[in-house]
Amino acid sequence: MYEMVKNGEVDGCFEDIPVVGYKIASGQVDFKIIHEDPSGQYGFAVLKGENQELLEAFNKGLAELKSNGGYDEIVNKYIKK
């Protein structure tokens, strides 16, 4: 998955925060975590300085989900038990 991001085959990836955080901290990948979900310990990562259009679309969609209650519905349905 990381290689696909680095090679430009995909624009981003979802991964467990501790896993991608370790990869970034150890210099194995030059990614930036753009969103962390503390309720599920997931993040969304893309290459640093790349994919601005994807980042804007992701952030816009996430903001919309949070403002219309959809985010809470998803968290309550799949994460909080």
N, C-alpha and C. Protein backbone atom coordinates (compact mmCIF):
# COMPACT_ATOMS: atom_id res chain seq x y z
N MET A 1 0.84 -1.18 0.00
CA MET A 1 0.00 0.00 0.00
C MET A 1 0.88 1.24 0.00
N TYR A 2 1.93 1.24 0.83
CA TYR A 2 2.82 2.40 0.87
C TYR A 2 3.52 2.60 -0.47
N GLU A 3 3.96 1.53 -1.07
CA GLU A 3 4.65 1.62 -2.36
C GLU A 3 3.72 2.19 -3.43
N MET A 4 2.45 1.82 -3.38
CA MET A 4 1.50 2.33 -4.35
C MET A 4 1.34 3.84 -4.21
N VAL A 5 1.33 4.34 -2.97
CA VAL A 5 1.25 5.79 -2.76
C VAL A 5 2.53 6.44 -3.28
N LYS A 6 3.69 5.88 -2.89
CA LYS A 6 4.97 6.45 -3.31
C LYS A 6 5.14 6.45 -4.83
N ASN A 7 4.61 5.43 -5.49
CA ASN A 7 4.73 5.32 -6.95
C ASN A 7 3.66 6.10 -7.70
N GLY A 8 2.73 6.71 -6.98
CA GLY A 8 1.68 7.48 -7.62
C GLY A 8 0.55 6.65 -8.19
N GLU A 9 0.49 5.37 -7.82
CA GLU A 9 -0.59 4.51 -8.31
C GLU A 9 -1.91 4.83 -7.60
N VAL A 10 -1.83 5.28 -6.36
CA VAL A 10 -2.98 5.74 -5.60
C VAL A 10 -2.60 7.04 -4.92
N ASP A 11 -3.59 7.82 -4.51
CA ASP A 11 -3.32 9.14 -3.95
C ASP A 11 -3.17 9.16 -2.44
N GLY A 12 -3.62 8.14 -1.76
CA GLY A 12 -3.53 8.13 -0.30
C GLY A 12 -3.88 6.77 0.23
N CYS A 13 -3.80 6.64 1.55
CA CYS A 13 -4.14 5.36 2.16
C CYS A 13 -4.64 5.58 3.59
N PHE A 14 -5.41 4.62 4.05
CA PHE A 14 -5.85 4.59 5.44
C PHE A 14 -4.99 3.55 6.16
N GLU A 15 -4.62 3.84 7.39
CA GLU A 15 -3.78 2.92 8.13
C GLU A 15 -3.94 3.18 9.62
N ASP A 16 -3.61 2.19 10.42
CA ASP A 16 -3.61 2.38 11.86
C ASP A 16 -2.59 3.45 12.21
N ILE A 17 -2.98 4.37 13.10
CA ILE A 17 -2.11 5.50 13.47
C ILE A 17 -0.74 5.03 13.97
N PRO A 18 -0.66 4.07 14.88
CA PRO A 18 0.67 3.66 15.36
C PRO A 18 1.57 3.12 14.25
N VAL A 19 0.98 2.42 13.29
CA VAL A 19 1.76 1.81 12.21
C VAL A 19 2.31 2.89 11.30
N VAL A 20 1.45 3.75 10.77
CA VAL A 20 1.92 4.77 9.84
C VAL A 20 2.78 5.80 10.58
N GLY A 21 2.46 6.08 11.83
CA GLY A 21 3.28 7.00 12.62
C GLY A 21 4.70 6.50 12.78
N TYR A 22 4.85 5.21 13.02
CA TYR A 22 6.18 4.61 13.13
C TYR A 22 6.93 4.69 11.80
N LYS A 23 6.23 4.39 10.71
CA LYS A 23 6.86 4.44 9.39
C LYS A 23 7.35 5.85 9.08
N ILE A 24 6.57 6.85 9.44
CA ILE A 24 6.95 8.24 9.20
C ILE A 24 8.13 8.62 10.10
N ALA A 25 8.01 8.32 11.40
CA ALA A 25 9.05 8.70 12.37
C ALA A 25 10.39 8.03 12.07
N SER A 26 10.35 6.82 11.56
CA SER A 26 11.60 6.09 11.27
C SER A 26 12.16 6.42 9.90
N GLY A 27 11.47 7.28 9.14
CA GLY A 27 11.95 7.68 7.83
C GLY A 27 11.69 6.68 6.73
N GLN A 28 10.87 5.69 7.00
CA GLN A 28 10.57 4.69 5.98
C GLN A 28 9.66 5.23 4.88
N VAL A 29 8.83 6.20 5.22
CA VAL A 29 7.96 6.85 4.24
C VAL A 29 7.97 8.35 4.50
N ASP A 30 7.82 9.12 3.46
CA ASP A 30 7.76 10.58 3.57
C ASP A 30 6.32 11.02 3.39
N PHE A 31 5.48 10.57 4.33
CA PHE A 31 4.06 10.86 4.28
C PHE A 31 3.72 11.91 5.32
N LYS A 32 2.50 12.42 5.21
CA LYS A 32 1.95 13.34 6.19
C LYS A 32 0.58 12.80 6.58
N ILE A 33 0.32 12.67 7.87
CA ILE A 33 -1.00 12.26 8.34
C ILE A 33 -1.88 13.50 8.31
N ILE A 34 -2.98 13.42 7.58
CA ILE A 34 -3.84 14.60 7.45
C ILE A 34 -5.10 14.52 8.30
N HIS A 35 -5.40 13.33 8.82
CA HIS A 35 -6.56 13.20 9.69
C HIS A 35 -6.36 12.01 10.61
N GLU A 36 -6.62 12.22 11.89
CA GLU A 36 -6.58 11.13 12.86
C GLU A 36 -7.95 11.00 13.49
N ASP A 37 -8.43 9.79 13.58
CA ASP A 37 -9.71 9.52 14.22
C ASP A 37 -9.42 8.82 15.54
N PRO A 38 -9.41 9.58 16.64
CA PRO A 38 -9.05 8.99 17.92
C PRO A 38 -10.00 7.90 18.39
N SER A 39 -11.22 7.90 17.89
CA SER A 39 -12.16 6.86 18.33
C SER A 39 -11.83 5.51 17.70
N GLY A 40 -11.15 5.54 16.55
CA GLY A 40 -10.84 4.29 15.89
C GLY A 40 -9.37 4.08 15.63
N GLN A 41 -8.55 5.07 15.97
CA GLN A 41 -7.11 5.00 15.77
C GLN A 41 -6.73 4.79 14.30
N TYR A 42 -7.40 5.49 13.41
CA TYR A 42 -7.08 5.42 12.00
C TYR A 42 -6.65 6.79 11.51
N GLY A 43 -5.86 6.82 10.46
CA GLY A 43 -5.43 8.07 9.86
C GLY A 43 -5.53 7.97 8.35
N PHE A 44 -5.47 9.10 7.69
CA PHE A 44 -5.49 9.18 6.24
C PHE A 44 -4.19 9.87 5.85
N ALA A 45 -3.35 9.23 5.05
CA ALA A 45 -2.03 9.77 4.74
C ALA A 45 -1.81 9.90 3.24
N VAL A 46 -1.08 10.95 2.87
CA VAL A 46 -0.67 11.16 1.48
C VAL A 46 0.78 11.65 1.50
N LEU A 47 1.43 11.64 0.34
CA LEU A 47 2.79 12.16 0.26
C LEU A 47 2.81 13.62 0.65
N LYS A 48 3.83 14.01 1.42
CA LYS A 48 3.94 15.40 1.83
C LYS A 48 4.01 16.31 0.61
N GLY A 49 3.22 17.38 0.66
CA GLY A 49 3.24 18.37 -0.42
C GLY A 49 2.58 17.95 -1.71
N GLU A 50 1.94 16.79 -1.71
CA GLU A 50 1.31 16.27 -2.92
C GLU A 50 -0.20 16.18 -2.74
N ASN A 51 -0.90 16.01 -3.84
CA ASN A 51 -2.32 15.68 -3.84
C ASN A 51 -3.20 16.71 -3.13
N GLN A 52 -2.93 17.98 -3.37
CA GLN A 52 -3.71 19.04 -2.72
C GLN A 52 -5.20 18.91 -3.01
N GLU A 53 -5.55 18.52 -4.24
CA GLU A 53 -6.95 18.36 -4.60
C GLU A 53 -7.61 17.26 -3.76
N LEU A 54 -6.90 16.14 -3.58
CA LEU A 54 -7.41 15.05 -2.74
C LEU A 54 -7.57 15.51 -1.30
N LEU A 55 -6.59 16.22 -0.77
CA LEU A 55 -6.66 16.71 0.61
C LEU A 55 -7.87 17.62 0.80
N GLU A 56 -8.08 18.52 -0.14
CA GLU A 56 -9.22 19.44 -0.04
C GLU A 56 -10.54 18.69 -0.12
N ALA A 57 -10.62 17.72 -1.03
CA ALA A 57 -11.86 16.93 -1.16
C ALA A 57 -12.11 16.10 0.10
N PHE A 58 -11.06 15.49 0.63
CA PHE A 58 -11.21 14.70 1.85
C PHE A 58 -11.66 15.58 3.00
N ASN A 59 -10.97 16.70 3.20
CA ASN A 59 -11.32 17.59 4.31
C ASN A 59 -12.73 18.16 4.16
N LYS A 60 -13.12 18.49 2.94
CA LYS A 60 -14.47 19.00 2.70
C LYS A 60 -15.51 17.93 3.02
N GLY A 61 -15.28 16.71 2.53
CA GLY A 61 -16.21 15.62 2.82
C GLY A 61 -16.30 15.30 4.29
N LEU A 62 -15.16 15.29 4.97
CA LEU A 62 -15.15 15.02 6.41
C LEU A 62 -15.90 16.11 7.17
N ALA A 63 -15.66 17.35 6.81
CA ALA A 63 -16.36 18.47 7.47
C ALA A 63 -17.87 18.37 7.26
N GLU A 64 -18.25 18.00 6.05
CA GLU A 64 -19.67 17.85 5.74
C GLU A 64 -20.29 16.72 6.56
N LEU A 65 -19.59 15.59 6.62
CA LEU A 65 -20.09 14.46 7.42
C LEU A 65 -20.24 14.84 8.89
N LYS A 66 -19.27 15.60 9.40
CA LYS A 66 -19.34 16.00 10.81
C LYS A 66 -20.48 17.00 11.04
N SER A 67 -20.69 17.92 10.10
CA SER A 67 -21.72 18.94 10.30
C SER A 67 -23.14 18.39 10.15
N ASN A 68 -23.31 17.35 9.32
CA ASN A 68 -24.67 16.84 9.13
C ASN A 68 -25.00 15.62 10.00
N GLY A 69 -24.07 15.27 10.89
CA GLY A 69 -24.33 14.16 11.80
C GLY A 69 -23.95 12.79 11.27
N GLY A 70 -23.57 12.72 10.01
CA GLY A 70 -23.20 11.44 9.41
C GLY A 70 -21.98 10.80 10.04
N TYR A 71 -21.02 11.61 10.43
CA TYR A 71 -19.81 11.10 11.07
C TYR A 71 -20.14 10.38 12.37
N ASP A 72 -20.94 11.03 13.20
CA ASP A 72 -21.34 10.42 14.47
C ASP A 72 -22.12 9.14 14.25
N GLU A 73 -22.97 9.11 13.23
CA GLU A 73 -23.71 7.89 12.92
C GLU A 73 -22.76 6.73 12.59
N ILE A 74 -21.77 7.02 11.78
CA ILE A 74 -20.80 5.98 11.40
C ILE A 74 -20.01 5.51 12.61
N VAL A 75 -19.52 6.45 13.40
CA VAL A 75 -18.75 6.09 14.60
C VAL A 75 -19.60 5.27 15.56
N ASN A 76 -20.81 5.70 15.78
CA ASN A 76 -21.69 4.98 16.71
C ASN A 76 -22.07 3.59 16.19
N LYS A 77 -22.21 3.46 14.90
CA LYS A 77 -22.60 2.18 14.32
C LYS A 77 -21.45 1.18 14.30
N TYR A 78 -20.27 1.64 13.90
CA TYR A 78 -19.18 0.70 13.65
C TYR A 78 -18.06 0.70 14.69
N ILE A 79 -17.90 1.77 15.44
CA ILE A 79 -16.77 1.85 16.34
C ILE A 79 -17.19 1.78 17.80
N LYS A 80 -18.12 2.58 18.20
CA LYS A 80 -18.57 2.57 19.60
C LYS A 80 -19.57 1.46 19.77
N LYS A 81 -19.28 0.56 20.68
CA LYS A 81 -20.20 -0.57 20.90
C LYS A 81 -20.60 -0.65 22.34
